[in-house]
């Protein structure tokens, strides 16, 4: 038995893919446009430099 939330997420994913003709470039543009519509900016973290361990 599949979780109803998982079924809903998969249904929506399939719908979005069909609307964009399963084209990866179109999907990329779609999600980038959706991201710009949001007021909250995506979280980004600067990479942390690892400490020098003296290993060659």
N, C-alpha and C. Protein backbone atom coordinates (compact mmCIF):
# COMPACT_ATOMS: atom_id res chain seq x y z
N UNK A 1 0.85 -1.19 0.00
CA UNK A 1 0.00 0.00 0.00
C UNK A 1 0.89 1.24 0.00
N UNK A 2 0.64 2.13 -0.94
CA UNK A 2 1.42 3.35 -1.07
C UNK A 2 0.80 4.46 -0.23
N UNK A 3 1.66 5.24 0.35
CA UNK A 3 1.24 6.38 1.16
C UNK A 3 0.49 7.38 0.26
N UNK A 4 -0.63 7.95 0.73
CA UNK A 4 -1.39 8.90 -0.10
C UNK A 4 -0.60 10.16 -0.43
N UNK A 5 0.29 10.57 0.44
CA UNK A 5 1.11 11.76 0.15
C UNK A 5 2.08 11.47 -0.99
N UNK A 6 2.67 10.28 -0.97
CA UNK A 6 3.58 9.90 -2.05
C UNK A 6 2.83 9.82 -3.37
N UNK A 7 1.64 9.25 -3.36
CA UNK A 7 0.83 9.19 -4.59
C UNK A 7 0.55 10.59 -5.13
N UNK A 8 0.21 11.52 -4.23
CA UNK A 8 -0.10 12.89 -4.65
C UNK A 8 1.13 13.57 -5.24
N UNK A 9 2.28 13.41 -4.60
CA UNK A 9 3.52 14.01 -5.10
C UNK A 9 3.85 13.45 -6.48
N UNK A 10 3.73 12.16 -6.64
CA UNK A 10 4.02 11.53 -7.94
C UNK A 10 3.04 11.98 -9.01
N UNK A 11 1.77 12.15 -8.64
CA UNK A 11 0.76 12.61 -9.60
C UNK A 11 1.09 14.03 -10.08
N UNK A 12 1.45 14.89 -9.15
CA UNK A 12 1.79 16.27 -9.51
C UNK A 12 3.06 16.32 -10.34
N UNK A 13 4.06 15.51 -9.96
CA UNK A 13 5.30 15.46 -10.74
C UNK A 13 5.02 15.03 -12.18
N UNK A 14 4.20 14.00 -12.34
CA UNK A 14 3.87 13.53 -13.68
C UNK A 14 3.12 14.60 -14.47
N UNK A 15 2.23 15.32 -13.80
CA UNK A 15 1.47 16.38 -14.46
C UNK A 15 2.41 17.49 -14.95
N UNK A 16 3.36 17.90 -14.12
CA UNK A 16 4.32 18.94 -14.50
C UNK A 16 5.19 18.46 -15.66
N UNK A 17 5.62 17.19 -15.60
CA UNK A 17 6.42 16.64 -16.70
C UNK A 17 5.64 16.65 -18.00
N UNK A 18 4.37 16.25 -17.97
CA UNK A 18 3.54 16.22 -19.17
C UNK A 18 3.32 17.63 -19.72
N UNK A 19 3.11 18.60 -18.84
CA UNK A 19 2.91 19.98 -19.29
C UNK A 19 4.15 20.52 -20.00
N UNK A 20 5.31 20.00 -19.65
CA UNK A 20 6.57 20.44 -20.26
C UNK A 20 7.10 19.43 -21.26
N UNK A 21 6.25 18.52 -21.71
CA UNK A 21 6.56 17.53 -22.75
C UNK A 21 7.79 16.69 -22.41
N UNK A 22 8.00 16.43 -21.13
CA UNK A 22 9.13 15.62 -20.65
C UNK A 22 10.47 16.12 -21.17
N UNK A 23 10.56 17.40 -21.43
CA UNK A 23 11.80 18.03 -21.92
C UNK A 23 12.55 18.59 -20.72
N UNK A 24 13.77 18.09 -20.52
CA UNK A 24 14.55 18.49 -19.34
C UNK A 24 14.86 19.98 -19.33
N UNK A 25 15.11 20.55 -20.50
CA UNK A 25 15.40 22.00 -20.55
C UNK A 25 14.16 22.80 -20.19
N UNK A 26 13.01 22.36 -20.67
CA UNK A 26 11.77 23.05 -20.34
C UNK A 26 11.46 22.91 -18.85
N UNK A 27 11.71 21.73 -18.29
CA UNK A 27 11.49 21.53 -16.86
C UNK A 27 12.42 22.42 -16.04
N UNK A 28 13.67 22.55 -16.48
CA UNK A 28 14.62 23.42 -15.79
C UNK A 28 14.12 24.86 -15.79
N UNK A 29 13.67 25.33 -16.94
CA UNK A 29 13.15 26.69 -17.03
C UNK A 29 11.90 26.86 -16.15
N UNK A 30 11.04 25.84 -16.15
CA UNK A 30 9.82 25.88 -15.34
C UNK A 30 10.16 26.05 -13.86
N UNK A 31 11.07 25.21 -13.37
CA UNK A 31 11.39 25.26 -11.94
C UNK A 31 12.18 26.52 -11.58
N UNK A 32 13.00 27.02 -12.48
CA UNK A 32 13.71 28.27 -12.21
C UNK A 32 12.73 29.43 -12.13
N UNK A 33 11.72 29.44 -13.00
CA UNK A 33 10.70 30.49 -12.97
C UNK A 33 9.89 30.40 -11.67
N UNK A 34 9.55 29.18 -11.25
CA UNK A 34 8.82 29.00 -9.99
C UNK A 34 9.66 29.49 -8.81
N UNK A 35 10.95 29.23 -8.87
CA UNK A 35 11.84 29.64 -7.80
C UNK A 35 11.89 31.17 -7.71
N UNK A 36 11.90 31.85 -8.86
CA UNK A 36 11.93 33.32 -8.85
C UNK A 36 10.63 33.92 -8.32
N UNK A 37 9.51 33.20 -8.51
CA UNK A 37 8.22 33.68 -8.03
C UNK A 37 8.16 33.70 -6.50
N UNK A 38 8.91 32.83 -5.87
CA UNK A 38 8.87 32.75 -4.41
C UNK A 38 9.54 33.96 -3.78
N UNK A 39 9.00 34.40 -2.69
CA UNK A 39 9.58 35.55 -2.00
C UNK A 39 10.84 35.14 -1.25
N UNK A 40 10.86 33.93 -0.73
CA UNK A 40 12.03 33.45 0.00
C UNK A 40 13.08 32.98 -1.00
N UNK A 41 14.29 33.40 -0.78
CA UNK A 41 15.38 32.96 -1.64
C UNK A 41 15.83 31.57 -1.20
N UNK A 42 16.31 30.78 -2.14
CA UNK A 42 16.80 29.46 -1.74
C UNK A 42 17.99 29.60 -0.80
N UNK A 43 18.13 28.66 0.07
CA UNK A 43 19.22 28.68 1.03
C UNK A 43 20.49 28.19 0.34
N UNK A 44 21.55 28.95 0.49
CA UNK A 44 22.84 28.52 -0.03
C UNK A 44 23.87 28.66 1.07
N UNK A 45 24.78 27.76 1.08
CA UNK A 45 25.84 27.77 2.07
C UNK A 45 27.18 27.87 1.36
N UNK A 46 28.06 28.70 1.91
CA UNK A 46 29.40 28.77 1.35
C UNK A 46 30.16 27.52 1.80
N UNK A 47 30.98 26.97 0.91
CA UNK A 47 31.73 25.77 1.31
C UNK A 47 32.73 26.11 2.41
N UNK A 48 32.87 25.18 3.33
CA UNK A 48 33.81 25.37 4.43
C UNK A 48 35.14 24.73 4.04
N UNK A 49 36.22 25.44 4.35
CA UNK A 49 37.53 24.89 4.07
C UNK A 49 37.85 23.87 5.16
N UNK A 50 38.28 22.70 4.72
CA UNK A 50 38.65 21.67 5.69
C UNK A 50 40.00 22.00 6.31
N UNK A 51 40.18 21.63 7.57
CA UNK A 51 41.47 21.92 8.20
C UNK A 51 42.58 21.09 7.55
N UNK A 52 43.75 21.67 7.49
CA UNK A 52 44.90 20.97 6.91
C UNK A 52 45.32 19.88 7.90
N UNK A 53 45.34 18.66 7.43
CA UNK A 53 45.67 17.52 8.30
C UNK A 53 47.11 17.06 8.15
N UNK A 54 47.86 17.73 7.28
CA UNK A 54 49.27 17.37 7.12
C UNK A 54 49.47 16.04 6.39
N UNK A 55 48.46 15.60 5.67
CA UNK A 55 48.58 14.34 4.93
C UNK A 55 48.86 14.67 3.47
N UNK A 56 49.84 13.99 2.91
CA UNK A 56 50.22 14.28 1.52
C UNK A 56 49.37 13.52 0.55
